[in-house]
Amino acid sequence: TRTRTTFEIAAKRLSADVVNLNINTSSAAKGESLLDTIDNLCAMQADMFVVRHAASGAPMLIAQHLQNTGRDHIHVVNAGDGRHAHPTQGLLDMYTIRHYKKDFTNLTVAIVGDVLHSRVARSQIAALTTLGVPEVRVIGPKTLLPTEVERLGVRVFHDMSEGLRGVDVV
């Protein structure tokens, strides 16, 4: 509800016409595929899709479909997909860090808790490493951290005190 409302308010402030599509009551519930629905909305002159979908990868699938069908002028914003990512929340967190810390290149940032099930944590890790944070840490028990999470460019800690030592942002 918060994400949908935030996007709708922002779009209206920018004078955009907004149509909310509830996938549970849409034509998709009657057998139409997601890409069929996108094609129909494109025929109605849609300029952008803000996609929040239960299936991981749905926004990417839509973006690739639009590109493959010559409609790459139509933009897709991922507002959260399945258990994969929530980049808009991650961007909000980056905005907050920039507001208070100004520069990302001298920070040590810790993400604490259930990283395994957190799509926001994955989005934060991607944003922090892209923005040049030299050390991103994840802190949590082994059961709540993804296997091989180090491959995302983070340091792993299982002890809270040790993991928080010298951290600038939690």
Protein backbone atom coordinates (compact mmCIF):
# COMPACT_ATOMS: atom_id res chain seq x y z
CA THR A 1 0.00 0.00 0.00
CA ARG A 2 2.78 2.47 0.90
CA THR A 3 4.75 1.85 -2.28
CA ARG A 4 1.72 2.09 -4.56
CA THR A 5 0.46 5.24 -2.83
CA THR A 6 3.88 6.88 -2.92
CA PHE A 7 4.28 6.27 -6.64
CA GLU A 8 0.74 7.42 -7.35
CA ILE A 9 1.18 10.67 -5.40
CA ALA A 10 4.54 11.36 -7.07
CA ALA A 11 3.11 10.72 -10.54
CA LYS A 12 0.12 12.95 -9.93
CA ARG A 13 2.41 15.75 -8.69
CA LEU A 14 4.21 15.42 -12.02
CA SER A 15 0.84 15.67 -13.82
CA ALA A 16 0.87 12.06 -14.95
CA ASP A 17 -2.29 10.09 -15.50
CA VAL A 18 -2.16 7.03 -13.26
CA VAL A 19 -3.89 3.71 -13.71
CA ASN A 20 -3.53 1.13 -10.95
CA LEU A 21 -3.85 -2.43 -12.14
CA ASN A 22 -4.61 -5.06 -9.54
CA ILE A 23 -3.20 -8.22 -11.08
CA ASN A 24 -5.51 -10.39 -8.95
CA THR A 25 -8.62 -8.96 -10.62
CA SER A 26 -7.13 -8.18 -14.02
CA SER A 27 -7.32 -10.17 -17.22
CA ALA A 28 -4.28 -12.11 -15.99
CA ALA A 29 -6.58 -13.80 -13.47
CA LYS A 30 -8.69 -14.93 -16.44
CA GLY A 31 -5.78 -16.48 -18.34
CA GLU A 32 -4.13 -13.52 -20.09
CA SER A 33 -0.37 -13.58 -19.72
CA LEU A 34 1.54 -10.74 -18.09
CA LEU A 35 3.09 -9.81 -21.44
CA ASP A 36 -0.36 -9.85 -23.11
CA THR A 37 -1.51 -7.36 -20.49
CA ILE A 38 1.56 -5.20 -21.14
CA ASP A 39 0.92 -5.30 -24.90
CA ASN A 40 -2.68 -4.20 -24.36
CA LEU A 41 -1.62 -1.35 -22.09
CA CYS A 42 0.99 -0.28 -24.66
CA ALA A 43 -1.77 -0.11 -27.25
CA MET A 44 -3.46 2.37 -24.90
CA GLN A 45 -0.36 4.62 -25.11
CA ALA A 46 1.25 3.81 -21.75
CA ASP A 47 4.55 5.64 -21.32
CA MET A 48 5.81 3.92 -18.19
CA PHE A 49 5.15 0.92 -16.00
CA VAL A 50 5.84 0.96 -12.28
CA VAL A 51 5.81 -2.75 -11.53
CA ARG A 52 5.37 -4.39 -8.16
CA HIS A 53 4.91 -8.09 -8.76
CA ALA A 54 4.99 -11.26 -6.69
CA ALA A 55 7.22 -13.01 -9.25
CA SER A 56 10.94 -12.33 -9.03
CA GLY A 57 12.18 -10.91 -12.32
CA ALA A 58 8.80 -9.69 -13.61
CA PRO A 59 9.96 -6.08 -14.19
CA MET A 60 13.04 -7.32 -16.10
CA LEU A 61 10.87 -9.63 -18.19
CA ILE A 62 8.62 -6.69 -19.08
CA ALA A 63 11.57 -4.41 -19.89
CA GLN A 64 13.15 -7.07 -22.12
CA HIS A 65 9.82 -7.68 -23.86
CA LEU A 66 9.40 -3.97 -24.54
CA GLN A 67 12.93 -3.72 -25.90
CA ASN A 68 12.52 -6.83 -28.07
CA THR A 69 9.28 -5.47 -29.54
CA GLY A 70 10.76 -2.08 -30.42
CA ARG A 71 9.11 -0.20 -27.57
CA ASP A 72 12.24 0.66 -25.62
CA HIS A 73 10.95 4.24 -25.21
CA ILE A 74 8.51 2.86 -22.61
CA HIS A 75 10.18 2.78 -19.21
CA VAL A 76 9.88 0.17 -16.48
CA VAL A 77 10.48 0.92 -12.80
CA ASN A 78 10.92 -2.00 -10.43
CA ALA A 79 8.90 -1.23 -7.29
CA GLY A 80 9.59 -4.65 -5.80
CA ASP A 81 9.59 -8.09 -7.34
CA GLY A 82 9.03 -11.25 -5.39
CA ARG A 83 11.88 -12.03 -3.04
CA HIS A 84 14.42 -10.62 -5.50
CA ALA A 85 14.67 -6.86 -5.10
CA HIS A 86 13.08 -3.65 -3.91
CA PRO A 87 15.23 -1.02 -5.61
CA THR A 88 12.95 1.93 -4.87
CA GLN A 89 13.29 1.32 -1.12
CA GLY A 90 17.03 0.85 -1.61
CA LEU A 91 17.21 4.21 -3.42
CA LEU A 92 15.34 5.88 -0.58
CA ASP A 93 17.89 4.46 1.84
CA MET A 94 20.74 5.76 -0.36
CA TYR A 95 19.10 9.21 -0.37
CA THR A 96 18.98 9.15 3.44
CA ILE A 97 22.63 8.11 3.71
CA ARG A 98 23.69 10.81 1.24
CA HIS A 99 21.67 13.41 3.16
CA TYR A 100 23.42 12.64 6.45
CA LYS A 101 26.84 11.38 5.34
CA LYS A 102 27.31 13.23 1.99
CA ASP A 103 30.03 10.97 0.57
CA PHE A 104 29.75 7.21 0.12
CA THR A 105 33.43 6.58 -0.62
CA ASN A 106 34.64 6.69 3.00
CA LEU A 107 31.87 4.73 4.69
CA THR A 108 31.56 1.36 6.29
CA VAL A 109 27.93 0.22 6.16
CA ALA A 110 26.35 -2.73 7.94
CA ILE A 111 23.12 -4.48 7.01
CA VAL A 112 21.85 -6.45 9.99
CA GLY A 113 19.33 -9.24 10.26
CA ASP A 114 17.48 -11.52 7.89
CA VAL A 115 19.36 -10.77 4.67
CA LEU A 116 18.32 -14.12 3.17
CA HIS A 117 14.66 -13.12 2.92
CA SER A 118 15.16 -9.36 2.46
CA ARG A 119 14.73 -7.99 -1.05
CA VAL A 120 15.57 -4.54 0.36
CA ALA A 121 18.93 -5.81 1.65
CA ARG A 122 19.83 -7.12 -1.82
CA SER A 123 18.93 -3.76 -3.34
CA GLN A 124 20.93 -1.91 -0.70
CA ILE A 125 23.99 -4.08 -1.32
CA ALA A 126 23.79 -3.43 -5.06
CA ALA A 127 23.38 0.31 -4.55
CA LEU A 128 26.10 0.65 -1.89
CA THR A 129 28.69 -1.22 -3.92
CA THR A 130 27.75 0.72 -7.07
CA LEU A 131 28.08 4.01 -5.20
CA GLY A 132 31.62 3.14 -4.09
CA VAL A 133 31.18 2.19 -0.44
CA PRO A 134 34.52 0.53 0.34
CA GLU A 135 33.12 -1.87 2.93
CA VAL A 136 29.61 -3.27 3.09
CA ARG A 137 28.97 -5.75 5.88
CA VAL A 138 26.15 -8.16 6.50
CA ILE A 139 25.59 -9.31 10.07
CA GLY A 140 23.39 -12.22 11.01
CA PRO A 141 23.26 -15.90 11.84
CA LYS A 142 24.25 -18.30 9.06
CA THR A 143 20.63 -19.41 8.73
CA LEU A 144 19.56 -15.85 7.78
CA LEU A 145 22.32 -15.05 5.29
CA PRO A 146 22.33 -16.19 1.65
CA THR A 147 24.79 -18.91 0.72
CA GLU A 148 27.94 -17.35 -0.75
CA VAL A 149 26.69 -13.82 0.05
CA GLU A 150 30.37 -12.75 -0.11
CA ARG A 151 30.07 -12.91 -3.91
CA LEU A 152 27.94 -9.75 -3.68
CA GLY A 153 31.01 -7.88 -2.42
CA VAL A 154 30.22 -7.87 1.29
CA ARG A 155 32.03 -8.95 4.44
CA VAL A 156 30.13 -11.43 6.56
CA PHE A 157 29.87 -11.28 10.35
CA HIS A 158 27.93 -13.55 12.65
CA ASP A 159 28.85 -11.69 15.85
CA MET A 160 26.95 -8.41 16.27
CA SER A 161 29.58 -6.61 18.37
CA GLU A 162 32.37 -7.51 15.97
CA GLY A 163 30.32 -6.65 12.89
CA LEU A 164 29.28 -3.22 14.18
CA ARG A 165 32.78 -2.19 15.27
CA GLY A 166 33.83 0.91 13.30
CA VAL A 167 30.63 1.10 11.25
CA ASP A 168 29.37 4.50 10.04
CA VAL A 169 25.86 3.45 9.00
CA VAL A 170 23.65 0.56 10.14
